[in-house]
Amino acid sequence: MSRTPGNSPVGTSLKDLLLMKQALPPSAERSDSETAALKGRIAALEKENLALRERPSQWFAMAVSALREERFIDALGLLQAVLLCDPNHIRARINMAVVLAELGRPDRAAETLRQVLEQEPDNPTALRNLALLAEGS
């Protein structure tokens, strides 16, 4: 494509550029009904995404409940799910340390608490729990 002042690609959509270069077949054009269907699917996916963003808080509440009921494996799985969605979830990480200590993994519990302290150096719960772990070893 020669570039003259009158046919600059600036401001041209990628799709139009590809059509001009014949990298996309003309059938790549979408009909109004296809476009409407895609917009509907996008709206549904955005709604689903919003619902998924609320799940970590639900999982955290379930994990705390499992921890209180001493269902440590259940709590561990739920807290891992929360941390996969939000690696900076401080309360989930602190509770993960409690679960790990209860499961006989004080080394991993201490490591988890140190991760909390990297984010929040003065976190009183993490400092207290780390001190308790040190006393226990």
Protein backbone atom coordinates (compact mmCIF):
# COMPACT_ATOMS: atom_id res chain seq x y z
CA MET A 1 0.00 0.00 0.00
CA SER A 2 1.55 3.27 -1.04
CA ARG A 3 1.30 6.02 1.48
CA THR A 4 0.31 9.35 0.13
CA PRO A 5 -1.09 12.13 2.26
CA GLY A 6 -4.59 11.19 1.15
CA ASN A 7 -4.48 7.47 2.07
CA SER A 8 -2.59 7.34 5.37
CA PRO A 9 -3.42 4.30 7.54
CA VAL A 10 -3.56 6.50 10.65
CA GLY A 11 -7.00 6.21 12.18
CA THR A 12 -7.88 3.09 10.18
CA SER A 13 -9.09 0.09 12.13
CA LEU A 14 -7.01 -3.07 12.13
CA LYS A 15 -9.82 -4.94 10.43
CA ASP A 16 -9.96 -2.36 7.62
CA LEU A 17 -6.19 -2.47 7.20
CA LEU A 18 -6.27 -6.26 6.94
CA LEU A 19 -9.11 -6.09 4.40
CA MET A 20 -7.14 -3.53 2.37
CA LYS A 21 -4.07 -5.77 2.39
CA GLN A 22 -6.36 -8.68 1.53
CA ALA A 23 -5.21 -10.53 4.65
CA LEU A 24 -8.86 -11.01 5.59
CA PRO A 25 -11.43 -12.28 3.17
CA PRO A 26 -14.42 -10.00 2.54
CA SER A 27 -16.53 -12.61 4.32
CA ALA A 28 -14.92 -11.34 7.54
CA GLU A 29 -17.52 -8.60 7.43
CA ARG A 30 -20.24 -9.33 9.98
CA SER A 31 -23.92 -8.92 9.39
CA ASP A 32 -26.03 -6.81 11.71
CA SER A 33 -27.56 -9.93 13.27
CA GLU A 34 -24.09 -11.45 13.86
CA THR A 35 -22.90 -8.20 15.41
CA ALA A 36 -25.96 -8.05 17.66
CA ALA A 37 -25.44 -11.67 18.73
CA LEU A 38 -21.80 -10.96 19.54
CA LYS A 39 -22.72 -7.87 21.54
CA GLY A 40 -25.23 -9.96 23.49
CA ARG A 41 -22.57 -12.58 24.20
CA ILE A 42 -20.15 -9.87 25.33
CA ALA A 43 -22.77 -8.48 27.72
CA ALA A 44 -23.41 -11.97 29.13
CA LEU A 45 -19.67 -12.54 29.62
CA GLU A 46 -19.29 -9.18 31.37
CA LYS A 47 -22.14 -10.10 33.74
CA GLU A 48 -20.54 -13.50 34.41
CA ASN A 49 -17.18 -11.82 35.03
CA LEU A 50 -18.79 -9.52 37.59
CA ALA A 51 -20.29 -12.53 39.39
CA LEU A 52 -16.91 -14.29 39.38
CA ARG A 53 -15.26 -11.28 41.00
CA GLU A 54 -17.64 -11.68 43.95
CA ARG A 55 -16.73 -15.33 44.51
CA PRO A 56 -13.43 -14.84 46.36
CA SER A 57 -15.25 -13.05 49.19
CA GLN A 58 -17.72 -15.93 49.37
CA TRP A 59 -14.89 -18.46 49.35
CA PHE A 60 -13.11 -16.54 52.10
CA ALA A 61 -16.22 -16.61 54.31
CA MET A 62 -16.56 -20.35 53.67
CA ALA A 63 -12.86 -20.86 54.52
CA VAL A 64 -13.21 -19.02 57.83
CA SER A 65 -16.23 -21.17 58.65
CA ALA A 66 -14.31 -24.35 57.77
CA LEU A 67 -11.38 -23.20 59.90
CA ARG A 68 -13.67 -22.58 62.89
CA GLU A 69 -15.09 -26.09 62.41
CA GLU A 70 -11.52 -27.48 62.22
CA ARG A 71 -12.04 -28.68 58.65
CA PHE A 72 -8.50 -27.65 57.77
CA ILE A 73 -8.25 -29.32 54.37
CA ASP A 74 -11.47 -27.64 53.24
CA ALA A 75 -10.22 -24.30 54.54
CA LEU A 76 -6.89 -24.80 52.78
CA GLY A 77 -8.53 -25.40 49.39
CA LEU A 78 -10.85 -22.42 49.74
CA LEU A 79 -8.04 -20.11 50.81
CA GLN A 80 -5.91 -21.27 47.89
CA ALA A 81 -8.80 -20.41 45.55
CA VAL A 82 -9.09 -16.93 47.10
CA LEU A 83 -5.34 -16.35 46.73
CA LEU A 84 -5.39 -17.49 43.11
CA CYS A 85 -7.94 -14.78 42.38
CA ASP A 86 -6.38 -12.18 44.67
CA PRO A 87 -2.74 -12.87 45.64
CA ASN A 88 -2.73 -9.74 47.83
CA HIS A 89 -5.63 -10.85 50.05
CA ILE A 90 -3.94 -10.34 53.42
CA ARG A 91 -6.61 -11.94 55.60
CA ALA A 92 -6.67 -15.04 53.38
CA ARG A 93 -2.89 -15.33 53.63
CA ILE A 94 -2.97 -14.97 57.44
CA ASN A 95 -5.67 -17.63 57.70
CA MET A 96 -3.66 -19.83 55.33
CA ALA A 97 -0.78 -19.62 57.82
CA VAL A 98 -3.10 -20.74 60.63
CA VAL A 99 -4.30 -23.69 58.55
CA LEU A 100 -0.74 -24.68 57.63
CA ALA A 101 0.30 -24.58 61.29
CA GLU A 102 -2.70 -26.73 62.23
CA LEU A 103 -1.74 -29.21 59.50
CA GLY A 104 1.73 -29.56 60.97
CA ARG A 105 3.55 -27.29 58.52
CA PRO A 106 4.95 -24.52 60.75
CA ASP A 107 7.73 -23.84 58.21
CA ARG A 108 5.23 -23.04 55.46
CA ALA A 109 3.06 -21.14 57.94
CA ALA A 110 6.02 -18.91 58.86
CA GLU A 111 6.87 -18.40 55.18
CA THR A 112 3.28 -17.37 54.52
CA LEU A 113 3.34 -14.89 57.40
CA ARG A 114 6.61 -13.42 56.10
CA GLN A 115 4.84 -12.86 52.77
CA VAL A 116 2.17 -10.89 54.64
CA LEU A 117 4.87 -8.82 56.35
CA GLU A 118 6.43 -8.03 52.97
CA GLN A 119 3.14 -6.35 52.05
CA GLU A 120 2.29 -4.96 55.48
CA PRO A 121 5.42 -4.81 57.67
CA ASP A 122 3.48 -3.73 60.77
CA ASN A 123 0.58 -6.18 60.48
CA PRO A 124 -0.05 -7.03 64.16
CA THR A 125 -1.73 -10.38 63.48
CA ALA A 126 1.10 -11.60 61.28
CA LEU A 127 3.73 -10.40 63.77
CA ARG A 128 1.92 -12.08 66.69
CA ASN A 129 1.39 -15.36 64.81
CA LEU A 130 5.00 -15.42 63.64
CA ALA A 131 6.14 -14.94 67.26
CA LEU A 132 3.84 -17.78 68.39
CA LEU A 133 5.29 -20.05 65.71
CA ALA A 134 8.82 -19.18 66.85
CA GLU A 135 7.91 -20.04 70.45
CA GLY A 136 6.46 -23.38 69.39
CA SER A 137 9.58 -24.54 67.55
